C-alpha atoms as a PDB file:
ATOM      1  CA  MET A   1      32.846   5.417  -0.352  1.00  0.00           C
ATOM      2  CA  ARG A   2      31.723   4.689   3.215  1.00  0.00           C
ATOM      3  CA  ILE A   3      28.913   2.211   3.924  1.00  0.00           C
ATOM      4  CA  ALA A   4      27.308   1.560   7.300  1.00  0.00           C
ATOM      5  CA  THR A   5      24.352  -0.144   8.942  1.00  0.00           C
ATOM      6  CA  TRP A   6      22.704   0.650  12.278  1.00  0.00           C
ATOM      7  CA  ASN A   7      19.500  -0.265  14.108  1.00  0.00           C
ATOM      8  CA  LEU A   8      17.885   2.863  15.610  1.00  0.00           C
ATOM      9  CA  ASN A   9      15.742   1.081  18.224  1.00  0.00           C
ATOM     10  CA  THR A  10      12.887   3.456  17.390  1.00  0.00           C
ATOM     11  CA  TRP A  11      10.095   1.964  19.486  1.00  0.00           C
ATOM     12  CA  ILE A  12      12.036   2.167  22.768  1.00  0.00           C
ATOM     13  CA  ASN A  13      13.601   5.525  21.936  1.00  0.00           C
ATOM     14  CA  ARG A  14      10.136   6.980  21.395  1.00  0.00           C
ATOM     15  CA  LYS A  15       9.222   5.937  24.937  1.00  0.00           C
ATOM     16  CA  GLU A  16      12.397   7.485  26.297  1.00  0.00           C
ATOM     17  CA  GLY A  17      11.997  10.773  24.440  1.00  0.00           C
ATOM     18  CA  ILE A  18      14.893  10.317  22.009  1.00  0.00           C
ATOM     19  CA  SER A  19      13.809  11.842  18.710  1.00  0.00           C
ATOM     20  CA  ASN A  20      14.432  10.626  15.199  1.00  0.00           C
ATOM     21  CA  ASP A  21      16.418  13.805  14.562  1.00  0.00           C
ATOM     22  CA  GLN A  22      18.754  12.940  17.456  1.00  0.00           C
ATOM     23  CA  LEU A  23      19.369   9.460  16.064  1.00  0.00           C
ATOM     24  CA  TRP A  24      20.157  10.744  12.584  1.00  0.00           C
ATOM     25  CA  GLN A  25      22.409  13.416  14.058  1.00  0.00           C
ATOM     26  CA  TRP A  26      24.343  10.733  15.981  1.00  0.00           C
ATOM     27  CA  ALA A  27      24.824   8.903  12.691  1.00  0.00           C
ATOM     28  CA  GLU A  28      25.945  12.116  11.025  1.00  0.00           C
ATOM     29  CA  ASP A  29      28.467  12.842  13.789  1.00  0.00           C
ATOM     30  CA  ASN A  30      29.795   9.320  14.335  1.00  0.00           C
ATOM     31  CA  LEU A  31      29.504   7.510  11.002  1.00  0.00           C
ATOM     32  CA  GLY A  32      30.055  10.114   8.301  1.00  0.00           C
ATOM     33  CA  ALA A  33      28.862   7.540   5.791  1.00  0.00           C
ATOM     34  CA  ASP A  34      27.781   7.878   2.166  1.00  0.00           C
ATOM     35  CA  ILE A  35      25.296   4.984   2.336  1.00  0.00           C
ATOM     36  CA  VAL A  36      23.534   3.831   5.500  1.00  0.00           C
ATOM     37  CA  ILE A  37      21.080   0.988   6.001  1.00  0.00           C
ATOM     38  CA  PHE A  38      18.977   1.983   9.024  1.00  0.00           C
ATOM     39  CA  ALA A  39      16.949  -0.823  10.621  1.00  0.00           C
ATOM     40  CA  GLU A  40      14.026  -0.245  12.985  1.00  0.00           C
ATOM     41  CA  ALA A  41      13.987   3.357  11.782  1.00  0.00           C
ATOM     42  CA  ALA A  42      11.064   5.758  11.924  1.00  0.00           C
ATOM     43  CA  THR A  43       9.455   6.522   8.571  1.00  0.00           C
ATOM     44  CA  PRO A  44       9.558   8.936   6.967  1.00  0.00           C
ATOM     45  CA  PRO A  45      13.030  10.177   7.932  1.00  0.00           C
ATOM     46  CA  PRO A  46      13.403  13.692   9.356  1.00  0.00           C
ATOM     47  CA  ALA A  47      12.982  16.450   6.772  1.00  0.00           C
ATOM     48  CA  SER A  48      16.227  17.948   8.074  1.00  0.00           C
ATOM     49  CA  ILE A  49      18.345  15.204   6.480  1.00  0.00           C
ATOM     50  CA  ALA A  50      18.117  17.025   3.142  1.00  0.00           C
ATOM     51  CA  GLN A  51      20.297  19.780   4.597  1.00  0.00           C
ATOM     52  CA  HIS A  52      23.133  17.257   4.828  1.00  0.00           C
ATOM     53  CA  GLY A  53      22.630  16.002   1.272  1.00  0.00           C
ATOM     54  CA  TRP A  54      20.708  12.848   2.238  1.00  0.00           C
ATOM     55  CA  THR A  55      17.932  11.181   0.290  1.00  0.00           C
ATOM     56  CA  ALA A  56      16.229   8.004   1.488  1.00  0.00           C
ATOM     57  CA  VAL A  57      13.870   5.227   0.414  1.00  0.00           C
ATOM     58  CA  HIS A  58      11.640   2.968   2.503  1.00  0.00           C
ATOM     59  CA  ARG A  59       8.347   1.108   2.448  1.00  0.00           C
ATOM     60  CA  ARG A  60       5.488   3.549   2.885  1.00  0.00           C
ATOM     61  CA  GLY A  61       4.295   3.243   6.475  1.00  0.00           C
ATOM     62  CA  GLY A  62       7.114   0.871   7.416  1.00  0.00           C
ATOM     63  CA  ILE A  63       6.288  -2.562   8.828  1.00  0.00           C
ATOM     64  CA  PRO A  64       2.507  -3.018   9.215  1.00  0.00           C
ATOM     65  CA  ASN A  65       1.293  -2.632  12.812  1.00  0.00           C
ATOM     66  CA  ARG A  66       4.693  -1.352  13.953  1.00  0.00           C
ATOM     67  CA  SER A  67       3.763   2.342  14.391  1.00  0.00           C
ATOM     68  CA  GLY A  68       5.483   3.558  11.249  1.00  0.00           C
ATOM     69  CA  TRP A  69       8.985   2.180  11.467  1.00  0.00           C
ATOM     70  CA  GLY A  70      10.931  -0.146   9.220  1.00  0.00           C
ATOM     71  CA  THR A  71      14.107  -0.301   7.123  1.00  0.00           C
ATOM     72  CA  VAL A  72      15.443   2.887   5.520  1.00  0.00           C
ATOM     73  CA  ILE A  73      18.233   3.036   2.938  1.00  0.00           C
ATOM     74  CA  ALA A  74      19.842   6.477   2.836  1.00  0.00           C
ATOM     75  CA  ALA A  75      22.471   7.920   0.519  1.00  0.00           C
ATOM     76  CA  ARG A  76      24.345  11.203   0.804  1.00  0.00           C
ATOM     77  CA  ASN A  77      24.970  13.209  -2.396  1.00  0.00           C
ATOM     78  CA  LEU A  78      24.213  10.079  -4.429  1.00  0.00           C
ATOM     79  CA  ARG A  79      21.237   9.178  -6.582  1.00  0.00           C
ATOM     80  CA  ILE A  80      19.133   6.428  -5.034  1.00  0.00           C
ATOM     81  CA  GLU A  81      16.199   4.589  -6.636  1.00  0.00           C
ATOM     82  CA  HIS A  82      13.781   2.420  -4.672  1.00  0.00           C
ATOM     83  CA  ILE A  83      13.286  -1.104  -6.094  1.00  0.00           C
ATOM     84  CA  THR A  84       9.855  -2.640  -5.539  1.00  0.00           C
ATOM     85  CA  HIS A  85       9.515  -4.893  -8.618  1.00  0.00           C
ATOM     86  CA  VAL A  86      12.047  -6.815 -10.718  1.00  0.00           C
ATOM     87  CA  GLY A  87      11.968  -8.923 -13.869  1.00  0.00           C
ATOM     88  CA  LYS A  88      11.712  -8.112 -17.560  1.00  0.00           C
ATOM     89  CA  ASP A  89       8.187  -6.768 -17.169  1.00  0.00           C
ATOM     90  CA  LYS A  90       8.525  -5.913 -13.461  1.00  0.00           C
ATOM     91  CA  GLU A  91       6.330  -8.932 -12.773  1.00  0.00           C
ATOM     92  CA  TYR A  92       8.006  -9.983  -9.522  1.00  0.00           C
ATOM     93  CA  GLU A  93       7.109  -7.922  -6.463  1.00  0.00           C
ATOM     94  CA  LEU A  94       9.625  -7.748  -3.634  1.00  0.00           C
ATOM     95  CA  ASP A  95       8.890  -7.746   0.090  1.00  0.00           C
ATOM     96  CA  THR A  96       5.631  -9.701   0.033  1.00  0.00           C
ATOM     97  CA  PHE A  97       6.578 -12.540   2.390  1.00  0.00           C
ATOM     98  CA  PHE A  98       6.867 -10.405   5.533  1.00  0.00           C
ATOM     99  CA  PRO A  99       6.090  -6.842   4.384  1.00  0.00           C
ATOM    100  CA  GLY A 100       8.483  -4.233   5.662  1.00  0.00           C
ATOM    101  CA  SER A 101      11.333  -6.665   6.351  1.00  0.00           C
ATOM    102  CA  LEU A 102      13.168  -5.875   3.096  1.00  0.00           C
ATOM    103  CA  THR A 103      13.973  -2.591   1.399  1.00  0.00           C
ATOM    104  CA  ALA A 104      16.004  -2.530  -1.823  1.00  0.00           C
ATOM    105  CA  ALA A 105      17.530   0.299  -3.835  1.00  0.00           C
ATOM    106  CA  ASP A 106      19.971   1.026  -6.646  1.00  0.00           C
ATOM    107  CA  VAL A 107      22.629   3.614  -5.848  1.00  0.00           C
ATOM    108  CA  PHE A 108      24.376   5.725  -8.486  1.00  0.00           C
ATOM    109  CA  LEU A 109      27.561   7.764  -8.257  1.00  0.00           C
ATOM    110  CA  GLU A 110      26.759  10.707 -10.514  1.00  0.00           C
ATOM    111  CA  ASN A 111      25.353   8.874 -13.567  1.00  0.00           C
ATOM    112  CA  ASP A 112      27.185   5.601 -13.002  1.00  0.00           C
ATOM    113  CA  TYR A 113      25.622   2.599 -11.285  1.00  0.00           C
ATOM    114  CA  PHE A 114      27.442   1.754  -8.053  1.00  0.00           C
ATOM    115  CA  ALA A 115      25.551  -1.054  -6.312  1.00  0.00           C
ATOM    116  CA  THR A 116      22.214  -2.576  -5.381  1.00  0.00           C
ATOM    117  CA  VAL A 117      21.549  -2.323  -1.657  1.00  0.00           C
ATOM    118  CA  ILE A 118      19.288  -4.699   0.282  1.00  0.00           C
ATOM    119  CA  GLY A 119      18.343  -3.572   3.762  1.00  0.00           C
ATOM    120  CA  LEU A 120      16.895  -6.123   6.191  1.00  0.00           C
ATOM    121  CA  TYR A 121      15.158  -6.114   9.529  1.00  0.00           C
ATOM    122  CA  LEU A 122      13.847  -9.482  10.714  1.00  0.00           C
ATOM    123  CA  PRO A 123      11.817  -9.156  13.924  1.00  0.00           C
ATOM    124  CA  TYR A 124      10.406 -11.924  16.055  1.00  0.00           C
ATOM    125  CA  ARG A 125       6.845 -11.829  14.720  1.00  0.00           C
ATOM    126  CA  LYS A 126       3.734 -12.165  16.872  1.00  0.00           C
ATOM    127  CA  ASN A 127       0.064 -12.590  16.010  1.00  0.00           C
ATOM    128  CA  ALA A 128      -2.832 -10.487  17.329  1.00  0.00           C
ATOM    129  CA  GLU A 129      -2.786 -12.511  20.568  1.00  0.00           C
ATOM    130  CA  LYS A 130       0.931 -11.665  21.076  1.00  0.00           C
ATOM    131  CA  ILE A 131       1.935 -15.268  20.442  1.00  0.00           C
ATOM    132  CA  PHE A 132       5.178 -15.855  18.531  1.00  0.00           C
ATOM    133  CA  ILE A 133       4.425 -17.200  15.055  1.00  0.00           C
ATOM    134  CA  GLY A 134       7.868 -17.268  13.494  1.00  0.00           C
ATOM    135  CA  ASP A 135      11.528 -16.615  13.996  1.00  0.00           C
ATOM    136  CA  PRO A 136      14.061 -14.555  12.004  1.00  0.00           C
ATOM    137  CA  GLU A 137      16.068 -17.531  10.759  1.00  0.00           C
ATOM    138  CA  ARG A 138      13.044 -19.231   9.157  1.00  0.00           C
ATOM    139  CA  ASP A 139      11.798 -15.898   7.822  1.00  0.00           C
ATOM    140  CA  LEU A 140      15.119 -15.274   6.080  1.00  0.00           C
ATOM    141  CA  GLU A 141      14.942 -18.703   4.452  1.00  0.00           C
ATOM    142  CA  ALA A 142      11.380 -18.008   3.295  1.00  0.00           C
ATOM    143  CA  MET A 143      12.520 -14.752   1.688  1.00  0.00           C
ATOM    144  CA  ASN A 144      15.184 -16.492  -0.402  1.00  0.00           C
ATOM    145  CA  MET A 145      13.318 -15.934  -3.692  1.00  0.00           C
ATOM    146  CA  ASP A 146      13.503 -12.167  -3.214  1.00  0.00           C
ATOM    147  CA  PHE A 147      17.296 -12.373  -3.067  1.00  0.00           C
ATOM    148  CA  VAL A 148      17.435 -14.698  -6.068  1.00  0.00           C
ATOM    149  CA  GLN A 149      15.146 -12.511  -8.189  1.00  0.00           C
ATOM    150  CA  LEU A 150      17.048  -9.347  -7.292  1.00  0.00           C
ATOM    151  CA  HIS A 151      20.329 -10.945  -8.265  1.00  0.00           C
ATOM    152  CA  LEU A 152      18.954 -12.371 -11.505  1.00  0.00           C
ATOM    153  CA  ASP A 153      17.487  -9.002 -12.421  1.00  0.00           C
ATOM    154  CA  ARG A 154      20.529  -6.897 -11.516  1.00  0.00           C
ATOM    155  CA  GLY A 155      23.475  -9.288 -11.870  1.00  0.00           C
ATOM    156  CA  ALA A 156      25.623  -6.633 -10.267  1.00  0.00           C
ATOM    157  CA  ASN A 157      27.313  -5.486  -7.088  1.00  0.00           C
ATOM    158  CA  LEU A 158      25.268  -6.224  -3.987  1.00  0.00           C
ATOM    159  CA  ILE A 159      25.322  -4.839  -0.472  1.00  0.00           C
ATOM    160  CA  VAL A 160      23.165  -6.737   2.033  1.00  0.00           C
ATOM    161  CA  ALA A 161      22.959  -5.323   5.545  1.00  0.00           C
ATOM    162  CA  GLY A 162      20.771  -4.881   8.582  1.00  0.00           C
ATOM    163  CA  ASP A 163      19.493  -6.552  11.727  1.00  0.00           C
ATOM    164  CA  LEU A 164      18.951 -10.302  11.246  1.00  0.00           C
ATOM    165  CA  ASN A 165      18.121 -10.858  14.944  1.00  0.00           C
ATOM    166  CA  ILE A 166      20.175 -14.061  15.097  1.00  0.00           C
ATOM    167  CA  ASP A 167      23.738 -14.537  16.348  1.00  0.00           C
ATOM    168  CA  TYR A 168      25.056 -16.383  13.270  1.00  0.00           C
ATOM    169  CA  TYR A 169      28.424 -18.155  13.326  1.00  0.00           C
ATOM    170  CA  GLU A 170      28.613 -18.087   9.550  1.00  0.00           C
ATOM    171  CA  MET A 171      26.757 -16.419   6.721  1.00  0.00           C
ATOM    172  CA  PRO A 172      23.114 -17.617   6.502  1.00  0.00           C
ATOM    173  CA  GLU A 173      22.674 -20.240   3.793  1.00  0.00           C
ATOM    174  CA  SER A 174      20.035 -18.246   1.894  1.00  0.00           C
ATOM    175  CA  LEU A 175      22.583 -15.440   1.464  1.00  0.00           C
ATOM    176  CA  ALA A 176      25.680 -17.609   1.042  1.00  0.00           C
ATOM    177  CA  GLU A 177      24.038 -19.238  -1.978  1.00  0.00           C
ATOM    178  CA  LEU A 178      22.749 -15.951  -3.341  1.00  0.00           C
ATOM    179  CA  ALA A 179      25.295 -15.629  -6.125  1.00  0.00           C
ATOM    180  CA  SER A 180      28.439 -17.130  -7.535  1.00  0.00           C
ATOM    181  CA  GLY A 181      31.579 -15.925  -9.272  1.00  0.00           C
ATOM    182  CA  LYS A 182      32.486 -12.274  -8.925  1.00  0.00           C
ATOM    183  CA  TYR A 183      29.121 -11.422  -7.337  1.00  0.00           C
ATOM    184  CA  GLU A 184      29.517 -13.894  -4.495  1.00  0.00           C
ATOM    185  CA  LEU A 185      28.716 -12.303  -1.135  1.00  0.00           C
ATOM    186  CA  VAL A 186      31.466 -12.172   1.465  1.00  0.00           C
ATOM    187  CA  ASP A 187      31.528 -11.148   5.114  1.00  0.00           C
ATOM    188  CA  PRO A 188      34.291  -8.562   5.643  1.00  0.00           C
ATOM    189  CA  PHE A 189      33.951  -9.017   9.424  1.00  0.00           C
ATOM    190  CA  ASP A 190      34.364 -12.795   9.369  1.00  0.00           C
ATOM    191  CA  GLY A 191      36.437 -13.922  12.349  1.00  0.00           C
ATOM    192  CA  ILE A 192      36.110 -10.604  14.186  1.00  0.00           C
ATOM    193  CA  GLU A 193      34.437 -10.843  17.586  1.00  0.00           C
ATOM    194  CA  MET A 194      31.991  -8.017  18.169  1.00  0.00           C
ATOM    195  CA  ASP A 195      28.938  -6.962  20.126  1.00  0.00           C
ATOM    196  CA  THR A 196      26.312  -5.157  18.067  1.00  0.00           C
ATOM    197  CA  TYR A 197      23.308  -5.673  20.365  1.00  0.00           C
ATOM    198  CA  LYS A 198      22.851  -5.086  24.079  1.00  0.00           C
ATOM    199  CA  GLN A 199      19.952  -7.003  25.608  1.00  0.00           C
ATOM    200  CA  SER A 200      18.233  -4.599  27.982  1.00  0.00           C
ATOM    201  CA  TRP A 201      16.518  -7.210  30.175  1.00  0.00           C
ATOM    202  CA  LYS A 202      19.545  -9.378  30.952  1.00  0.00           C
ATOM    203  CA  GLU A 203      22.929  -8.581  32.467  1.00  0.00           C
ATOM    204  CA  ASN A 204      25.862  -9.205  30.140  1.00  0.00           C
ATOM    205  CA  GLY A 205      23.441  -9.919  27.332  1.00  0.00           C
ATOM    206  CA  PHE A 206      25.640  -8.886  24.402  1.00  0.00           C
ATOM    207  CA  PHE A 207      25.310 -10.431  20.940  1.00  0.00           C
ATOM    208  CA  GLN A 208      26.103  -9.918  17.280  1.00  0.00           C
ATOM    209  CA  VAL A 209      22.827  -9.740  15.371  1.00  0.00           C
ATOM    210  CA  ASP A 210      23.696  -7.036  12.803  1.00  0.00           C
ATOM    211  CA  TYR A 211      25.572  -7.799   9.588  1.00  0.00           C
ATOM    212  CA  LEU A 212      27.030  -6.134   6.511  1.00  0.00           C
ATOM    213  CA  TYR A 213      27.806  -8.319   3.491  1.00  0.00           C
ATOM    214  CA  LEU A 214      29.325  -7.210   0.177  1.00  0.00           C
ATOM    215  CA  SER A 215      29.857  -8.673  -3.255  1.00  0.00           C
ATOM    216  CA  LYS A 216      33.367  -9.971  -3.736  1.00  0.00           C
ATOM    217  CA  GLN A 217      34.347  -7.171  -6.108  1.00  0.00           C
ATOM    218  CA  LEU A 218      33.303  -4.494  -3.629  1.00  0.00           C
ATOM    219  CA  ALA A 219      34.938  -6.286  -0.699  1.00  0.00           C
ATOM    220  CA  LYS A 220      38.287  -6.197  -2.516  1.00  0.00           C
ATOM    221  CA  LYS A 221      38.165  -2.393  -2.296  1.00  0.00           C
ATOM    222  CA  ILE A 222      37.831  -2.237   1.507  1.00  0.00           C
ATOM    223  CA  THR A 223      40.477   0.012   3.072  1.00  0.00           C
ATOM    224  CA  SER A 224      39.190   0.071   6.654  1.00  0.00           C
ATOM    225  CA  LYS A 225      36.327  -1.213   8.780  1.00  0.00           C
ATOM    226  CA  LYS A 226      34.777  -0.609  12.185  1.00  0.00           C
ATOM    227  CA  CYS A 227      32.191  -2.584  14.084  1.00  0.00           C
ATOM    228  CA  GLY A 228      30.195  -2.896  17.247  1.00  0.00           C
ATOM    229  CA  GLN A 229      30.675  -1.561  20.715  1.00  0.00           C
ATOM    230  CA  LYS A 230      34.488  -1.529  20.613  1.00  0.00           C
ATOM    231  CA  ASP A 231      34.596   0.995  17.769  1.00  0.00           C
ATOM    232  CA  PHE A 232      31.379   2.874  18.607  1.00  0.00           C
ATOM    233  CA  PRO A 233      31.319   2.941  22.427  1.00  0.00           C
ATOM    234  CA  THR A 234      28.648   5.668  22.649  1.00  0.00           C
ATOM    235  CA  ALA A 235      26.173   3.878  20.378  1.00  0.00           C
ATOM    236  CA  PHE A 236      24.552   2.060  23.291  1.00  0.00           C
ATOM    237  CA  ASP A 237      23.829   5.423  24.905  1.00  0.00           C
ATOM    238  CA  ILE A 238      21.242   6.130  22.231  1.00  0.00           C
ATOM    239  CA  SER A 239      20.257   2.689  20.881  1.00  0.00           C
ATOM    240  CA  ASP A 240      20.500  -0.960  21.902  1.00  0.00           C
ATOM    241  CA  HIS A 241      22.535  -1.616  18.752  1.00  0.00           C
ATOM    242  CA  ALA A 242      25.979  -0.527  17.553  1.00  0.00           C
ATOM    243  CA  PRO A 243      26.860   0.059  13.873  1.00  0.00           C
ATOM    244  CA  LEU A 244      29.077  -1.692  11.349  1.00  0.00           C
ATOM    245  CA  LEU A 245      31.021   0.358   8.818  1.00  0.00           C
ATOM    246  CA  VAL A 246      33.384  -0.180   5.878  1.00  0.00           C
ATOM    247  CA  ASP A 247      35.407   2.243   3.754  1.00  0.00           C
ATOM    248  CA  LEU A 248      35.971   1.443   0.091  1.00  0.00           C
ATOM    249  CA  GLY A 249      38.909   2.908  -1.800  1.00  0.00           C
END
């Protein structure tokens, strides 16, 4: 099983004439993944992805006032089910704090449950006057109840990935405290220096703002991993982000 995450930089690519089909084709050619969490991705995905066995889930319309882009979770030749409500009576609605920032899905291998995937994109939010009204770190903390409710409802393997827009030195507290025991999240790239984001308005502006976390039981199955510019040198030719990828045996 191969899992990856990548920010498609849709709003700039639209200006530069790079199509959604081109971005998905790059992912097809360079990732070869079974599950991909696409951040800043155009919605809906290209119809052509079905030819490669892909199905995808996302918030209808993406992030409000963002021209139809958001977070897409895609799975190839796997069953995927969008999660919008959790709880015994589905009483808790996800993604209400900052709509479009979180997409969740259950993924099944044939008829067997594999994992619950949480895709994140945390932009620097502005109001109608273009004034900043929040930052990704505080937004992630505010969304903590979504993570807690998802874990309480599923109590199973978790994959949390996407663009957090902050260069963290350790796992964010709201995710580090997400679960305990065998479901505890771990960072398989901990201690690895990488560049996953290239700042277009500043020379040498390279950062790590993209992350891929796994439950402990899944992380034990990792056989290989790739990350950032060093492993995906052509990614910055088509986006301002580079992917992260893990193989599970």
